[in-house]
Amino acid sequence: MTAAPVRVLLAEDQSMVREALAALLGLEPDVEVVAQVARGDEVLAAARSHDVNVALLDIEMPGKTGIEAARELHEALPALKIVVLTTFGRPGYLRGAMEAGASAFLVKDAPAAQLADAVRRVLAGERVIDPTLAAAALAEGANPLTGREREVLRAAADGATNAELAAAMHLSQGTVRNHLSTAIQKLAARNRAEAVRLAREKGWL
């Protein structure tokens, strides 16, 4: 008796990339892409309604990032295996994905056979990590920013004033100022704009 194919959910906001990945994975005899979504906030509902075994999540998506979607999936459907795909080989993304419950982290331009192999391996209980990204993550070290510092930096990215940030986040202006100052110092940045840029480049936001 032939084993049922692996049921895969593919989450990727760029339709051409998503369709290409689905077509390539569809060539594998034991893999079936049963659901496709373009937004991170559509992932959980699609995974539930299509009874998927593995979710392939892009990092940069509207609605929710792939890491946020991975965390939501892992909490709601702990048996589901998660593979995070990225165009950006940022060490902080790797660490964030693993902490969110992902079993694999690969660059998006990996060969289709490698991606299909990763799907099979995570189902077998393995972890699959792009070796170059793994080495970079080890060299980079842990994210120095606290959760609140990341939250304040993300909110400051649009250029809001301290007063606006304080009102939006229900914090005092002094607390906002302290969090921003500490984040800027930790990142050795000259100002908040540079701190946001550096944190994003490292995948820490």
C-alpha atoms as a PDB file:
ATOM      1  CA  MET A   1       0.000   0.000   0.000  1.00  0.00           C
ATOM      2  CA  THR A   2       1.418   3.377  -1.066  1.00  0.00           C
ATOM      3  CA  ALA A   3       1.803   5.965   1.679  1.00  0.00           C
ATOM      4  CA  ALA A   4      -0.348   9.083   1.382  1.00  0.00           C
ATOM      5  CA  PRO A   5       1.543  12.100   0.041  1.00  0.00           C
ATOM      6  CA  VAL A   6       2.747  14.786   2.423  1.00  0.00           C
ATOM      7  CA  ARG A   7       0.132  17.551   2.561  1.00  0.00           C
ATOM      8  CA  VAL A   8       1.865  20.928   2.275  1.00  0.00           C
ATOM      9  CA  LEU A   9       0.690  24.490   2.913  1.00  0.00           C
ATOM     10  CA  LEU A  10       2.657  27.135   1.018  1.00  0.00           C
ATOM     11  CA  ALA A  11       2.596  30.722   2.349  1.00  0.00           C
ATOM     12  CA  GLU A  12       4.322  33.266   0.100  1.00  0.00           C
ATOM     13  CA  ASP A  13       3.103  36.744  -0.837  1.00  0.00           C
ATOM     14  CA  GLN A  14       4.722  36.886  -4.298  1.00  0.00           C
ATOM     15  CA  SER A  15       2.385  34.954  -6.577  1.00  0.00           C
ATOM     16  CA  MET A  16       5.035  34.049  -9.189  1.00  0.00           C
ATOM     17  CA  VAL A  17       7.373  32.643  -6.549  1.00  0.00           C
ATOM     18  CA  ARG A  18       4.522  30.807  -4.809  1.00  0.00           C
ATOM     19  CA  GLU A  19       3.288  29.236  -8.037  1.00  0.00           C
ATOM     20  CA  ALA A  20       6.822  28.235  -9.060  1.00  0.00           C
ATOM     21  CA  LEU A  21       7.474  26.574  -5.688  1.00  0.00           C
ATOM     22  CA  ALA A  22       4.107  24.793  -5.835  1.00  0.00           C
ATOM     23  CA  ALA A  23       4.812  23.537  -9.360  1.00  0.00           C
ATOM     24  CA  LEU A  24       8.291  22.280  -8.430  1.00  0.00           C
ATOM     25  CA  LEU A  25       7.090  20.545  -5.282  1.00  0.00           C
ATOM     26  CA  GLY A  26       4.193  19.072  -7.266  1.00  0.00           C
ATOM     27  CA  LEU A  27       6.712  17.152  -9.366  1.00  0.00           C
ATOM     28  CA  GLU A  28       7.659  15.133  -6.288  1.00  0.00           C
ATOM     29  CA  PRO A  29       5.590  11.908  -6.156  1.00  0.00           C
ATOM     30  CA  ASP A  30       5.177  11.983  -2.367  1.00  0.00           C
ATOM     31  CA  VAL A  31       4.457  15.716  -1.885  1.00  0.00           C
ATOM     32  CA  GLU A  32       1.159  17.486  -2.541  1.00  0.00           C
ATOM     33  CA  VAL A  33       0.645  21.247  -2.146  1.00  0.00           C
ATOM     34  CA  VAL A  34      -2.952  21.353  -0.885  1.00  0.00           C
ATOM     35  CA  ALA A  35      -3.181  25.028   0.155  1.00  0.00           C
ATOM     36  CA  GLN A  36      -1.604  28.323  -0.829  1.00  0.00           C
ATOM     37  CA  VAL A  37      -1.934  31.688   0.922  1.00  0.00           C
ATOM     38  CA  ALA A  38      -0.376  35.098   0.339  1.00  0.00           C
ATOM     39  CA  ARG A  39      -0.690  36.520   3.855  1.00  0.00           C
ATOM     40  CA  GLY A  40       0.720  35.524   7.211  1.00  0.00           C
ATOM     41  CA  ASP A  41      -2.604  36.055   8.977  1.00  0.00           C
ATOM     42  CA  GLU A  42      -4.264  33.469   6.696  1.00  0.00           C
ATOM     43  CA  VAL A  43      -1.847  30.654   7.571  1.00  0.00           C
ATOM     44  CA  LEU A  44      -3.491  29.133  10.642  1.00  0.00           C
ATOM     45  CA  ALA A  45      -6.991  28.951   9.146  1.00  0.00           C
ATOM     46  CA  ALA A  46      -5.637  27.371   5.951  1.00  0.00           C
ATOM     47  CA  ALA A  47      -3.586  24.818   7.905  1.00  0.00           C
ATOM     48  CA  ARG A  48      -6.633  23.812   9.918  1.00  0.00           C
ATOM     49  CA  SER A  49      -9.077  23.592   7.011  1.00  0.00           C
ATOM     50  CA  HIS A  50      -6.746  21.582   4.743  1.00  0.00           C
ATOM     51  CA  ASP A  51      -5.324  19.229   7.399  1.00  0.00           C
ATOM     52  CA  VAL A  52      -1.702  19.842   6.358  1.00  0.00           C
ATOM     53  CA  ASN A  53       1.395  17.986   7.590  1.00  0.00           C
ATOM     54  CA  VAL A  54       3.993  20.636   6.743  1.00  0.00           C
ATOM     55  CA  ALA A  55       3.778  24.431   6.392  1.00  0.00           C
ATOM     56  CA  LEU A  56       6.308  26.279   4.214  1.00  0.00           C
ATOM     57  CA  LEU A  57       6.377  29.908   5.315  1.00  0.00           C
ATOM     58  CA  ASP A  58       8.075  32.892   3.716  1.00  0.00           C
ATOM     59  CA  ILE A  59       9.380  35.399   6.275  1.00  0.00           C
ATOM     60  CA  GLU A  60       8.319  38.659   4.643  1.00  0.00           C
ATOM     61  CA  MET A  61       4.514  38.619   4.312  1.00  0.00           C
ATOM     62  CA  PRO A  62       1.707  41.111   4.948  1.00  0.00           C
ATOM     63  CA  GLY A  63      -0.625  40.511   7.884  1.00  0.00           C
ATOM     64  CA  LYS A  64       1.921  38.549   9.912  1.00  0.00           C
ATOM     65  CA  THR A  65       5.554  37.698   9.299  1.00  0.00           C
ATOM     66  CA  GLY A  66       6.491  34.088   8.696  1.00  0.00           C
ATOM     67  CA  ILE A  67       8.009  33.965  12.182  1.00  0.00           C
ATOM     68  CA  GLU A  68       4.818  35.282  13.789  1.00  0.00           C
ATOM     69  CA  ALA A  69       2.761  32.811  11.748  1.00  0.00           C
ATOM     70  CA  ALA A  70       5.124  29.988  12.751  1.00  0.00           C
ATOM     71  CA  ARG A  71       4.666  30.819  16.434  1.00  0.00           C
ATOM     72  CA  GLU A  72       0.875  30.863  16.034  1.00  0.00           C
ATOM     73  CA  LEU A  73       0.924  27.537  14.162  1.00  0.00           C
ATOM     74  CA  HIS A  74       3.235  25.889  16.676  1.00  0.00           C
ATOM     75  CA  GLU A  75       1.004  26.881  19.591  1.00  0.00           C
ATOM     76  CA  ALA A  76      -2.255  25.842  17.906  1.00  0.00           C
ATOM     77  CA  LEU A  77      -1.060  22.753  15.972  1.00  0.00           C
ATOM     78  CA  PRO A  78       2.093  21.455  17.698  1.00  0.00           C
ATOM     79  CA  ALA A  79       2.244  18.289  15.559  1.00  0.00           C
ATOM     80  CA  LEU A  80       2.488  20.342  12.355  1.00  0.00           C
ATOM     81  CA  LYS A  81       6.030  20.703  10.999  1.00  0.00           C
ATOM     82  CA  ILE A  82       7.176  24.167   9.934  1.00  0.00           C
ATOM     83  CA  VAL A  83       9.752  25.066   7.297  1.00  0.00           C
ATOM     84  CA  VAL A  84      10.715  28.757   7.071  1.00  0.00           C
ATOM     85  CA  LEU A  85      11.963  30.078   3.729  1.00  0.00           C
ATOM     86  CA  THR A  86      13.780  33.352   3.301  1.00  0.00           C
ATOM     87  CA  THR A  87      15.343  35.502   0.626  1.00  0.00           C
ATOM     88  CA  PHE A  88      17.279  37.253   3.367  1.00  0.00           C
ATOM     89  CA  GLY A  89      19.981  35.206   5.070  1.00  0.00           C
ATOM     90  CA  ARG A  90      19.823  37.182   8.298  1.00  0.00           C
ATOM     91  CA  PRO A  91      21.113  35.347  11.369  1.00  0.00           C
ATOM     92  CA  GLY A  92      18.455  36.846  13.643  1.00  0.00           C
ATOM     93  CA  TYR A  93      15.731  35.397  11.453  1.00  0.00           C
ATOM     94  CA  LEU A  94      17.147  31.897  11.914  1.00  0.00           C
ATOM     95  CA  ARG A  95      17.186  32.219  15.679  1.00  0.00           C
ATOM     96  CA  GLY A  96      13.693  33.730  15.691  1.00  0.00           C
ATOM     97  CA  ALA A  97      12.319  30.971  13.470  1.00  0.00           C
ATOM     98  CA  MET A  98      13.734  28.208  15.653  1.00  0.00           C
ATOM     99  CA  GLU A  99      12.390  29.866  18.809  1.00  0.00           C
ATOM    100  CA  ALA A 100       8.975  30.115  17.120  1.00  0.00           C
ATOM    101  CA  GLY A 101       8.866  26.348  16.562  1.00  0.00           C
ATOM    102  CA  ALA A 102      10.237  25.921  13.032  1.00  0.00           C
ATOM    103  CA  SER A 103      11.973  22.641  12.212  1.00  0.00           C
ATOM    104  CA  ALA A 104      13.782  23.919   9.124  1.00  0.00           C
ATOM    105  CA  PHE A 105      15.195  27.182   7.820  1.00  0.00           C
ATOM    106  CA  LEU A 106      16.242  27.425   4.181  1.00  0.00           C
ATOM    107  CA  VAL A 107      17.000  30.100   1.626  1.00  0.00           C
ATOM    108  CA  LYS A 108      14.307  30.419  -1.007  1.00  0.00           C
ATOM    109  CA  ASP A 109      16.611  29.777  -3.961  1.00  0.00           C
ATOM    110  CA  ALA A 110      17.575  26.305  -2.695  1.00  0.00           C
ATOM    111  CA  PRO A 111      17.027  23.587  -5.336  1.00  0.00           C
ATOM    112  CA  ALA A 112      13.521  22.072  -5.360  1.00  0.00           C
ATOM    113  CA  ALA A 113      14.947  18.634  -4.568  1.00  0.00           C
ATOM    114  CA  GLN A 114      16.586  20.072  -1.444  1.00  0.00           C
ATOM    115  CA  LEU A 115      13.312  21.655  -0.368  1.00  0.00           C
ATOM    116  CA  ALA A 116      11.397  18.406  -0.897  1.00  0.00           C
ATOM    117  CA  ASP A 117      14.089  16.562   1.034  1.00  0.00           C
ATOM    118  CA  ALA A 118      13.715  19.051   3.895  1.00  0.00           C
ATOM    119  CA  VAL A 119       9.958  18.391   3.959  1.00  0.00           C
ATOM    120  CA  ARG A 120      10.584  14.646   4.295  1.00  0.00           C
ATOM    121  CA  ARG A 121      13.287  15.110   6.925  1.00  0.00           C
ATOM    122  CA  VAL A 122      11.240  17.370   9.208  1.00  0.00           C
ATOM    123  CA  LEU A 123       8.412  14.843   9.077  1.00  0.00           C
ATOM    124  CA  ALA A 124      10.937  12.240  10.244  1.00  0.00           C
ATOM    125  CA  GLY A 125      11.733  14.449  13.234  1.00  0.00           C
ATOM    126  CA  GLU A 126      14.935  16.073  11.970  1.00  0.00           C
ATOM    127  CA  ARG A 127      15.948  19.718  11.939  1.00  0.00           C
ATOM    128  CA  VAL A 128      17.199  21.108   8.650  1.00  0.00           C
ATOM    129  CA  ILE A 129      19.140  24.377   8.618  1.00  0.00           C
ATOM    130  CA  ASP A 130      21.053  26.006   5.777  1.00  0.00           C
ATOM    131  CA  PRO A 131      24.688  25.508   6.909  1.00  0.00           C
ATOM    132  CA  THR A 132      25.839  28.973   5.844  1.00  0.00           C
ATOM    133  CA  LEU A 133      23.048  30.621   7.813  1.00  0.00           C
ATOM    134  CA  ALA A 134      23.743  28.406  10.822  1.00  0.00           C
ATOM    135  CA  ALA A 135      27.397  29.480  10.873  1.00  0.00           C
ATOM    136  CA  ALA A 136      26.436  33.146  10.512  1.00  0.00           C
ATOM    137  CA  ALA A 137      23.922  32.899  13.363  1.00  0.00           C
ATOM    138  CA  LEU A 138      26.508  31.376  15.666  1.00  0.00           C
ATOM    139  CA  ALA A 139      29.000  34.106  14.777  1.00  0.00           C
ATOM    140  CA  GLU A 140      26.420  36.864  15.287  1.00  0.00           C
ATOM    141  CA  GLY A 141      25.300  35.763  18.730  1.00  0.00           C
ATOM    142  CA  ALA A 142      21.962  36.298  20.421  1.00  0.00           C
ATOM    143  CA  ASN A 143      19.640  39.238  19.877  1.00  0.00           C
ATOM    144  CA  PRO A 144      20.659  41.812  22.541  1.00  0.00           C
ATOM    145  CA  LEU A 145      17.305  43.610  22.454  1.00  0.00           C
ATOM    146  CA  THR A 146      14.562  42.809  24.936  1.00  0.00           C
ATOM    147  CA  GLY A 147      11.024  42.188  23.725  1.00  0.00           C
ATOM    148  CA  ARG A 148       9.918  45.660  24.818  1.00  0.00           C
ATOM    149  CA  GLU A 149      12.920  47.313  23.124  1.00  0.00           C
ATOM    150  CA  ARG A 150      12.067  45.522  19.876  1.00  0.00           C
ATOM    151  CA  GLU A 151       8.443  46.596  20.213  1.00  0.00           C
ATOM    152  CA  VAL A 152       9.363  50.248  20.750  1.00  0.00           C
ATOM    153  CA  LEU A 153      11.880  50.220  17.871  1.00  0.00           C
ATOM    154  CA  ARG A 154       9.318  48.699  15.501  1.00  0.00           C
ATOM    155  CA  ALA A 155       6.797  51.346  16.514  1.00  0.00           C
ATOM    156  CA  ALA A 156       9.407  54.090  16.044  1.00  0.00           C
ATOM    157  CA  ALA A 157      10.246  52.938  12.515  1.00  0.00           C
ATOM    158  CA  ASP A 158       7.513  55.129  10.990  1.00  0.00           C
ATOM    159  CA  GLY A 159       8.975  58.274  12.542  1.00  0.00           C
ATOM    160  CA  ALA A 160       6.488  58.727  15.403  1.00  0.00           C
ATOM    161  CA  THR A 161       7.485  61.089  18.210  1.00  0.00           C
ATOM    162  CA  ASN A 162       8.106  59.878  21.756  1.00  0.00           C
ATOM    163  CA  ALA A 163       4.763  61.350  22.783  1.00  0.00           C
ATOM    164  CA  GLU A 164       2.951  59.493  19.987  1.00  0.00           C
ATOM    165  CA  LEU A 165       4.735  56.252  20.840  1.00  0.00           C
ATOM    166  CA  ALA A 166       3.905  56.647  24.520  1.00  0.00           C
ATOM    167  CA  ALA A 167       0.212  57.211  23.768  1.00  0.00           C
ATOM    168  CA  ALA A 168       0.007  54.293  21.333  1.00  0.00           C
ATOM    169  CA  MET A 169       1.826  51.861  23.634  1.00  0.00           C
ATOM    170  CA  HIS A 170       0.296  53.067  26.920  1.00  0.00           C
ATOM    171  CA  LEU A 171       3.710  53.903  28.345  1.00  0.00           C
ATOM    172  CA  SER A 172       5.171  57.105  29.793  1.00  0.00           C
ATOM    173  CA  GLN A 173       7.354  59.232  27.536  1.00  0.00           C
ATOM    174  CA  GLY A 174      10.262  58.619  29.895  1.00  0.00           C
ATOM    175  CA  THR A 175       9.880  54.848  29.535  1.00  0.00           C
ATOM    176  CA  VAL A 176       9.771  55.125  25.739  1.00  0.00           C
ATOM    177  CA  ARG A 177      12.838  57.372  25.791  1.00  0.00           C
ATOM    178  CA  ASN A 178      14.711  54.897  28.010  1.00  0.00           C
ATOM    179  CA  HIS A 179      13.877  51.907  25.808  1.00  0.00           C
ATOM    180  CA  LEU A 180      14.946  53.761  22.658  1.00  0.00           C
ATOM    181  CA  SER A 181      18.131  55.020  24.272  1.00  0.00           C
ATOM    182  CA  THR A 182      19.077  51.530  25.500  1.00  0.00           C
ATOM    183  CA  ALA A 183      18.348  49.975  22.096  1.00  0.00           C
ATOM    184  CA  ILE A 184      20.424  52.639  20.315  1.00  0.00           C
ATOM    185  CA  GLN A 185      23.286  52.043  22.730  1.00  0.00           C
ATOM    186  CA  LYS A 186      23.157  48.234  22.377  1.00  0.00           C
ATOM    187  CA  LEU A 187      23.265  48.525  18.597  1.00  0.00           C
ATOM    188  CA  ALA A 188      26.027  51.163  18.651  1.00  0.00           C
ATOM    189  CA  ALA A 189      23.778  53.335  16.496  1.00  0.00           C
ATOM    190  CA  ARG A 190      23.836  57.115  16.187  1.00  0.00           C
ATOM    191  CA  ASN A 191      20.071  57.564  16.325  1.00  0.00           C
ATOM    192  CA  ARG A 192      16.782  55.672  16.293  1.00  0.00           C
ATOM    193  CA  ALA A 193      16.589  55.490  12.488  1.00  0.00           C
ATOM    194  CA  GLU A 194      19.995  53.840  12.318  1.00  0.00           C
ATOM    195  CA  ALA A 195      19.043  51.521  15.200  1.00  0.00           C
ATOM    196  CA  VAL A 196      15.942  50.384  13.284  1.00  0.00           C
ATOM    197  CA  ARG A 197      18.004  49.808  10.126  1.00  0.00           C
ATOM    198  CA  LEU A 198      20.728  47.834  11.924  1.00  0.00           C
ATOM    199  CA  ALA A 199      18.229  45.706  13.847  1.00  0.00           C
ATOM    200  CA  ARG A 200      16.345  44.885  10.632  1.00  0.00           C
ATOM    201  CA  GLU A 201      19.529  43.997   8.778  1.00  0.00           C
ATOM    202  CA  LYS A 202      20.384  41.485  11.493  1.00  0.00           C
ATOM    203  CA  GLY A 203      16.852  40.086  11.593  1.00  0.00           C
ATOM    204  CA  TRP A 204      16.338  41.249  15.191  1.00  0.00           C
ATOM    205  CA  LEU A 205      13.046  43.110  14.683  1.00  0.00           C
END
